PDB file of N, CA and C in Angstrom:
ATOM      1  N   MET A   1     -58.861 160.820 171.986  1.00  0.00           N
ATOM      2  CA  MET A   1     -59.213 161.919 172.914  1.00  0.00           C
ATOM      3  C   MET A   1     -58.056 161.627 174.015  1.00  0.00           C
ATOM      4  N   THR A   2     -57.565 162.803 174.419  1.00  0.00           N
ATOM      5  CA  THR A   2     -56.408 162.974 175.702  1.00  0.00           C
ATOM      6  C   THR A   2     -57.054 163.144 176.849  1.00  0.00           C
ATOM      7  N   GLU A   3     -56.446 162.341 177.877  1.00  0.00           N
ATOM      8  CA  GLU A   3     -56.935 162.625 179.177  1.00  0.00           C
ATOM      9  C   GLU A   3     -56.757 164.194 179.550  1.00  0.00           C
ATOM     10  N   VAL A   4     -57.628 164.955 180.164  1.00  0.00           N
ATOM     11  CA  VAL A   4     -57.284 166.187 180.599  1.00  0.00           C
ATOM     12  C   VAL A   4     -56.847 166.103 181.911  1.00  0.00           C
ATOM     13  N   ARG A   5     -55.516 167.019 182.272  1.00  0.00           N
ATOM     14  CA  ARG A   5     -54.849 166.916 183.560  1.00  0.00           C
ATOM     15  C   ARG A   5     -55.558 168.299 184.306  1.00  0.00           C
ATOM     16  N   VAL A   6     -55.835 167.956 185.526  1.00  0.00           N
ATOM     17  CA  VAL A   6     -56.276 169.242 186.361  1.00  0.00           C
ATOM     18  C   VAL A   6     -55.011 169.366 187.234  1.00  0.00           C
ATOM     19  N   LEU A   7     -54.545 170.686 187.118  1.00  0.00           N
ATOM     20  CA  LEU A   7     -53.227 170.994 187.700  1.00  0.00           C
ATOM     21  C   LEU A   7     -53.758 171.852 189.120  1.00  0.00           C
ATOM     22  N   LYS A   8     -52.619 172.026 190.039  1.00  0.00           N
ATOM     23  CA  LYS A   8     -53.046 172.594 191.129  1.00  0.00           C
ATOM     24  C   LYS A   8     -52.000 173.687 191.239  1.00  0.00           C
ATOM     25  N   MET A   9     -52.050 174.732 192.324  1.00  0.00           N
ATOM     26  CA  MET A   9     -51.205 175.774 192.178  1.00  0.00           C
ATOM     27  C   MET A   9     -49.901 175.221 193.224  1.00  0.00           C
ATOM     28  N   PHE A  10     -48.877 175.877 192.894  1.00  0.00           N
ATOM     29  CA  PHE A  10     -47.357 175.559 193.560  1.00  0.00           C
ATOM     30  C   PHE A  10     -47.048 176.533 194.261  1.00  0.00           C
ATOM     31  N   VAL A  11     -47.361 176.585 195.685  1.00  0.00           N
ATOM     32  CA  VAL A  11     -47.056 177.601 196.668  1.00  0.00           C
ATOM     33  C   VAL A  11     -46.352 177.122 197.787  1.00  0.00           C
ATOM     34  N   ASN A  12     -45.210 177.670 198.221  1.00  0.00           N
ATOM     35  CA  ASN A  12     -44.407 177.324 199.284  1.00  0.00           C
ATOM     36  C   ASN A  12     -43.870 175.797 199.254  1.00  0.00           C
ATOM     37  N   GLY A  13     -43.799 175.467 198.085  1.00  0.00           N
ATOM     38  CA  GLY A  13     -43.118 174.277 197.818  1.00  0.00           C
ATOM     39  C   GLY A  13     -44.034 172.987 197.895  1.00  0.00           C
ATOM     40  N   GLU A  14     -45.365 173.304 197.708  1.00  0.00           N
ATOM     41  CA  GLU A  14     -46.363 172.279 197.482  1.00  0.00           C
ATOM     42  C   GLU A  14     -47.340 172.679 196.593  1.00  0.00           C
ATOM     43  N   PHE A  15     -48.156 171.741 196.022  1.00  0.00           N
ATOM     44  CA  PHE A  15     -49.046 171.784 195.086  1.00  0.00           C
ATOM     45  C   PHE A  15     -50.311 171.700 196.213  1.00  0.00           C
ATOM     46  N   GLU A  16     -51.194 173.066 195.991  1.00  0.00           N
ATOM     47  CA  GLU A  16     -52.353 173.340 196.781  1.00  0.00           C
ATOM     48  C   GLU A  16     -53.664 173.779 196.084  1.00  0.00           C
ATOM     49  N   GLU A  17     -54.588 173.336 196.501  1.00  0.00           N
ATOM     50  CA  GLU A  17     -55.884 173.885 195.894  1.00  0.00           C
ATOM     51  C   GLU A  17     -56.098 175.398 195.964  1.00  0.00           C
ATOM     52  N   HIS A  18     -56.576 175.718 195.072  1.00  0.00           N
ATOM     53  CA  HIS A  18     -56.753 177.581 195.015  1.00  0.00           C
ATOM     54  C   HIS A  18     -58.242 177.942 195.422  1.00  0.00           C
ATOM     55  N   TYR A  19     -58.425 179.006 195.718  1.00  0.00           N
ATOM     56  CA  TYR A  19     -59.433 179.330 196.853  1.00  0.00           C
ATOM     57  C   TYR A  19     -60.933 179.325 195.981  1.00  0.00           C
ATOM     58  N   ASN A  20     -60.854 179.958 194.634  1.00  0.00           N
ATOM     59  CA  ASN A  20     -62.095 180.093 193.828  1.00  0.00           C
ATOM     60  C   ASN A  20     -62.497 178.673 193.344  1.00  0.00           C
ATOM     61  N   HIS A  21     -61.513 177.902 193.184  1.00  0.00           N
ATOM     62  CA  HIS A  21     -61.979 176.572 192.400  1.00  0.00           C
ATOM     63  C   HIS A  21     -62.290 176.668 190.868  1.00  0.00           C
ATOM     64  N   GLU A  22     -62.021 177.687 190.134  1.00  0.00           N
ATOM     65  CA  GLU A  22     -62.367 178.017 188.986  1.00  0.00           C
ATOM     66  C   GLU A  22     -61.133 177.584 188.124  1.00  0.00           C
ATOM     67  N   TYR A  23     -61.353 177.171 186.820  1.00  0.00           N
ATOM     68  CA  TYR A  23     -60.087 176.791 186.016  1.00  0.00           C
ATOM     69  C   TYR A  23     -60.001 177.379 184.585  1.00  0.00           C
ATOM     70  N   LEU A  24     -58.890 177.276 184.229  1.00  0.00           N
ATOM     71  CA  LEU A  24     -58.621 177.942 182.837  1.00  0.00           C
ATOM     72  C   LEU A  24     -58.249 176.830 181.943  1.00  0.00           C
ATOM     73  N   LYS A  25     -58.833 176.550 180.693  1.00  0.00           N
ATOM     74  CA  LYS A  25     -58.608 175.500 179.860  1.00  0.00           C
ATOM     75  C   LYS A  25     -57.245 175.799 179.022  1.00  0.00           C
ATOM     76  N   VAL A  26     -56.471 174.866 178.960  1.00  0.00           N
ATOM     77  CA  VAL A  26     -55.413 174.765 178.067  1.00  0.00           C
ATOM     78  C   VAL A  26     -55.529 174.038 176.852  1.00  0.00           C
ATOM     79  N   LEU A  27     -55.194 174.531 175.923  1.00  0.00           N
ATOM     80  CA  LEU A  27     -55.618 174.059 174.271  1.00  0.00           C
ATOM     81  C   LEU A  27     -54.376 173.595 173.855  1.00  0.00           C
ATOM     82  N   ASN A  28     -54.502 172.393 172.804  1.00  0.00           N
ATOM     83  CA  ASN A  28     -53.643 172.026 171.959  1.00  0.00           C
ATOM     84  C   ASN A  28     -53.594 172.940 170.778  1.00  0.00           C
ATOM     85  N   PRO A  29     -52.649 173.724 170.394  1.00  0.00           N
ATOM     86  CA  PRO A  29     -52.874 174.603 169.271  1.00  0.00           C
ATOM     87  C   PRO A  29     -53.085 173.973 168.057  1.00  0.00           C
ATOM     88  N   SER A  30     -52.585 172.867 167.845  1.00  0.00           N
ATOM     89  CA  SER A  30     -52.772 171.927 166.437  1.00  0.00           C
ATOM     90  C   SER A  30     -54.394 171.602 166.286  1.00  0.00           C
ATOM     91  N   THR A  31     -54.669 171.120 167.396  1.00  0.00           N
ATOM     92  CA  THR A  31     -56.122 170.433 167.273  1.00  0.00           C
ATOM     93  C   THR A  31     -57.085 171.166 168.055  1.00  0.00           C
ATOM     94  N   GLU A  32     -56.922 172.288 168.981  1.00  0.00           N
ATOM     95  CA  GLU A  32     -57.635 173.001 169.815  1.00  0.00           C
ATOM     96  C   GLU A  32     -58.450 172.021 170.948  1.00  0.00           C
ATOM     97  N   GLU A  33     -57.754 171.178 171.107  1.00  0.00           N
ATOM     98  CA  GLU A  33     -58.266 169.899 172.065  1.00  0.00           C
ATOM     99  C   GLU A  33     -57.947 170.699 173.305  1.00  0.00           C
ATOM    100  N   VAL A  34     -58.777 170.548 174.657  1.00  0.00           N
ATOM    101  CA  VAL A  34     -58.557 170.736 176.054  1.00  0.00           C
ATOM    102  C   VAL A  34     -57.453 169.773 176.049  1.00  0.00           C
ATOM    103  N   ILE A  35     -56.297 170.181 176.751  1.00  0.00           N
ATOM    104  CA  ILE A  35     -55.165 169.004 177.316  1.00  0.00           C
ATOM    105  C   ILE A  35     -55.308 169.064 178.754  1.00  0.00           C
ATOM    106  N   ALA A  36     -55.369 170.416 179.332  1.00  0.00           N
ATOM    107  CA  ALA A  36     -55.311 170.448 180.737  1.00  0.00           C
ATOM    108  C   ALA A  36     -56.233 171.509 181.268  1.00  0.00           C
ATOM    109  N   LYS A  37     -56.369 171.663 182.618  1.00  0.00           N
ATOM    110  CA  LYS A  37     -56.856 172.915 183.212  1.00  0.00           C
ATOM    111  C   LYS A  37     -56.195 173.351 184.284  1.00  0.00           C
ATOM    112  N   ILE A  38     -55.789 174.556 184.391  1.00  0.00           N
ATOM    113  CA  ILE A  38     -55.013 175.222 185.337  1.00  0.00           C
ATOM    114  C   ILE A  38     -55.792 176.221 186.178  1.00  0.00           C
ATOM    115  N   PRO A  39     -55.512 176.360 187.422  1.00  0.00           N
ATOM    116  CA  PRO A  39     -56.090 177.167 188.068  1.00  0.00           C
ATOM    117  C   PRO A  39     -56.169 178.649 187.933  1.00  0.00           C
ATOM    118  N   ALA A  40     -57.371 179.324 187.974  1.00  0.00           N
ATOM    119  CA  ALA A  40     -57.593 180.670 187.837  1.00  0.00           C
ATOM    120  C   ALA A  40     -57.592 181.310 188.953  1.00  0.00           C
ATOM    121  N   GLY A  41     -56.331 181.808 189.541  1.00  0.00           N
ATOM    122  CA  GLY A  41     -56.299 182.123 190.963  1.00  0.00           C
ATOM    123  C   GLY A  41     -56.859 183.670 190.963  1.00  0.00           C
ATOM    124  N   ASN A  42     -57.042 183.939 192.313  1.00  0.00           N
ATOM    125  CA  ASN A  42     -57.644 185.205 192.535  1.00  0.00           C
ATOM    126  C   ASN A  42     -56.757 185.873 193.461  1.00  0.00           C
ATOM    127  N   CYS A  43     -57.125 186.993 194.075  1.00  0.00           N
ATOM    128  CA  CYS A  43     -56.309 187.931 195.079  1.00  0.00           C
ATOM    129  C   CYS A  43     -55.694 187.166 196.265  1.00  0.00           C
ATOM    130  N   LYS A  44     -56.769 185.973 196.881  1.00  0.00           N
ATOM    131  CA  LYS A  44     -56.238 185.537 197.897  1.00  0.00           C
ATOM    132  C   LYS A  44     -55.188 184.439 197.639  1.00  0.00           C
ATOM    133  N   ASP A  45     -55.101 183.772 196.559  1.00  0.00           N
ATOM    134  CA  ASP A  45     -53.901 183.053 196.024  1.00  0.00           C
ATOM    135  C   ASP A  45     -53.011 183.709 195.929  1.00  0.00           C
ATOM    136  N   VAL A  46     -52.891 184.978 195.488  1.00  0.00           N
ATOM    137  CA  VAL A  46     -51.530 185.857 195.487  1.00  0.00           C
ATOM    138  C   VAL A  46     -51.127 186.212 196.591  1.00  0.00           C
ATOM    139  N   ASP A  47     -52.039 186.644 197.530  1.00  0.00           N
ATOM    140  CA  ASP A  47     -51.646 187.110 198.893  1.00  0.00           C
ATOM    141  C   ASP A  47     -50.761 185.776 199.546  1.00  0.00           C
ATOM    142  N   ARG A  48     -51.613 184.661 199.373  1.00  0.00           N
ATOM    143  CA  ARG A  48     -51.048 183.244 199.965  1.00  0.00           C
ATOM    144  C   ARG A  48     -49.633 183.140 199.304  1.00  0.00           C
ATOM    145  N   ALA A  49     -49.260 183.247 198.124  1.00  0.00           N
ATOM    146  CA  ALA A  49     -47.956 183.120 197.537  1.00  0.00           C
ATOM    147  C   ALA A  49     -46.783 184.273 197.896  1.00  0.00           C
ATOM    148  N   ILE A  50     -47.523 185.460 198.003  1.00  0.00           N
ATOM    149  CA  ILE A  50     -46.777 186.744 198.486  1.00  0.00           C
ATOM    150  C   ILE A  50     -46.171 186.246 199.827  1.00  0.00           C
ATOM    151  N   ASN A  51     -47.080 185.959 200.862  1.00  0.00           N
ATOM    152  CA  ASN A  51     -46.793 185.835 202.054  1.00  0.00           C
ATOM    153  C   ASN A  51     -45.709 184.636 202.346  1.00  0.00           C
ATOM    154  N   ALA A  52     -45.892 183.545 201.551  1.00  0.00           N
ATOM    155  CA  ALA A  52     -45.203 182.410 201.752  1.00  0.00           C
ATOM    156  C   ALA A  52     -43.627 182.931 201.264  1.00  0.00           C
ATOM    157  N   ALA A  53     -43.557 183.658 200.140  1.00  0.00           N
ATOM    158  CA  ALA A  53     -42.322 183.935 199.525  1.00  0.00           C
ATOM    159  C   ALA A  53     -41.578 185.078 200.586  1.00  0.00           C
ATOM    160  N   ASP A  54     -42.539 185.990 201.354  1.00  0.00           N
ATOM    161  CA  ASP A  54     -41.997 186.848 202.475  1.00  0.00           C
ATOM    162  C   ASP A  54     -41.336 185.987 203.461  1.00  0.00           C
ATOM    163  N   ILE A  55     -41.803 185.070 203.833  1.00  0.00           N
ATOM    164  CA  ILE A  55     -41.661 184.254 205.105  1.00  0.00           C
ATOM    165  C   ILE A  55     -40.301 183.401 204.762  1.00  0.00           C
ATOM    166  N   ALA A  56     -40.180 183.042 203.537  1.00  0.00           N
ATOM    167  CA  ALA A  56     -38.842 182.277 202.992  1.00  0.00           C
ATOM    168  C   ALA A  56     -37.887 182.980 202.803  1.00  0.00           C
ATOM    169  N   GLN A  57     -38.156 184.363 202.422  1.00  0.00           N
ATOM    170  CA  GLN A  57     -36.961 185.294 202.367  1.00  0.00           C
ATOM    171  C   GLN A  57     -36.459 185.799 203.754  1.00  0.00           C
ATOM    172  N   LYS A  58     -37.186 185.965 204.580  1.00  0.00           N
ATOM    173  CA  LYS A  58     -36.779 186.073 206.076  1.00  0.00           C
ATOM    174  C   LYS A  58     -35.877 185.172 206.627  1.00  0.00           C
ATOM    175  N   ILE A  59     -36.490 183.638 206.326  1.00  0.00           N
ATOM    176  CA  ILE A  59     -35.756 182.494 206.793  1.00  0.00           C
ATOM    177  C   ILE A  59     -34.515 182.347 206.183  1.00  0.00           C
ATOM    178  N   MET A  60     -34.321 182.763 204.800  1.00  0.00           N
ATOM    179  CA  MET A  60     -32.978 182.450 204.218  1.00  0.00           C
ATOM    180  C   MET A  60     -32.163 183.659 204.649  1.00  0.00           C
ATOM    181  N   GLY A  61     -32.590 184.868 204.573  1.00  0.00           N
ATOM    182  CA  GLY A  61     -31.731 186.028 204.877  1.00  0.00           C
ATOM    183  C   GLY A  61     -30.289 186.186 204.075  1.00  0.00           C
ATOM    184  N   GLU A  62     -29.452 186.190 204.722  1.00  0.00           N
ATOM    185  CA  GLU A  62     -28.066 186.172 203.948  1.00  0.00           C
ATOM    186  C   GLU A  62     -27.889 185.320 203.129  1.00  0.00           C
ATOM    187  N   ASN A  63     -28.187 184.033 203.593  1.00  0.00           N
ATOM    188  CA  ASN A  63     -27.928 182.849 203.013  1.00  0.00           C
ATOM    189  C   ASN A  63     -28.186 182.805 201.558  1.00  0.00           C
ATOM    190  N   TYR A  64     -29.167 183.488 201.031  1.00  0.00           N
ATOM    191  CA  TYR A  64     -29.944 183.613 199.775  1.00  0.00           C
ATOM    192  C   TYR A  64     -28.834 184.140 198.942  1.00  0.00           C
ATOM    193  N   GLN A  65     -28.372 185.261 199.391  1.00  0.00           N
ATOM    194  CA  GLN A  65     -27.132 185.729 198.340  1.00  0.00           C
ATOM    195  C   GLN A  65     -26.023 184.840 198.094  1.00  0.00           C
ATOM    196  N   GLN A  66     -25.860 184.115 199.235  1.00  0.00           N
ATOM    197  CA  GLN A  66     -24.664 183.220 198.940  1.00  0.00           C
ATOM    198  C   GLN A  66     -25.065 181.922 197.953  1.00  0.00           C
ATOM    199  N   LEU A  67     -26.198 181.687 198.079  1.00  0.00           N
ATOM    200  CA  LEU A  67     -26.714 180.422 197.234  1.00  0.00           C
ATOM    201  C   LEU A  67     -26.601 180.805 195.555  1.00  0.00           C
ATOM    202  N   ASN A  68     -26.697 182.331 195.348  1.00  0.00           N
ATOM    203  CA  ASN A  68     -26.712 182.786 193.967  1.00  0.00           C
ATOM    204  C   ASN A  68     -25.291 183.065 193.497  1.00  0.00           C
ATOM    205  N   VAL A  69     -24.380 182.921 194.242  1.00  0.00           N
ATOM    206  CA  VAL A  69     -23.267 183.153 193.875  1.00  0.00           C
ATOM    207  C   VAL A  69     -22.573 181.999 192.926  1.00  0.00           C
ATOM    208  N   VAL A  70     -21.820 182.427 191.895  1.00  0.00           N
ATOM    209  CA  VAL A  70     -21.247 181.302 191.169  1.00  0.00           C
ATOM    210  C   VAL A  70     -19.855 181.575 190.991  1.00  0.00           C
ATOM    211  N   HIS A  71     -18.978 180.514 191.437  1.00  0.00           N
ATOM    212  CA  HIS A  71     -17.669 180.602 191.326  1.00  0.00           C
ATOM    213  C   HIS A  71     -17.114 180.183 189.903  1.00  0.00           C
ATOM    214  N   ILE A  72     -16.274 180.910 189.402  1.00  0.00           N
ATOM    215  CA  ILE A  72     -15.616 180.384 188.183  1.00  0.00           C
ATOM    216  C   ILE A  72     -13.926 180.164 188.367  1.00  0.00           C
TER     217      ILE A  72
END
């Protein structure tokens, strides 16, 4: 039996707990054994991620456009 990994949400560059503390099971498709549990996020988790992304976008501003430029 494999150790079941319990994962966290990745928001704003950090792994964080989610609000409702409920998890979804991740199964190995060949054995149907539970191999991990992932956060079952809710609206508060989505809002937190959107707010973090909005702040990051404002901080980056024009610099974000420059980061995505590939010089050939």
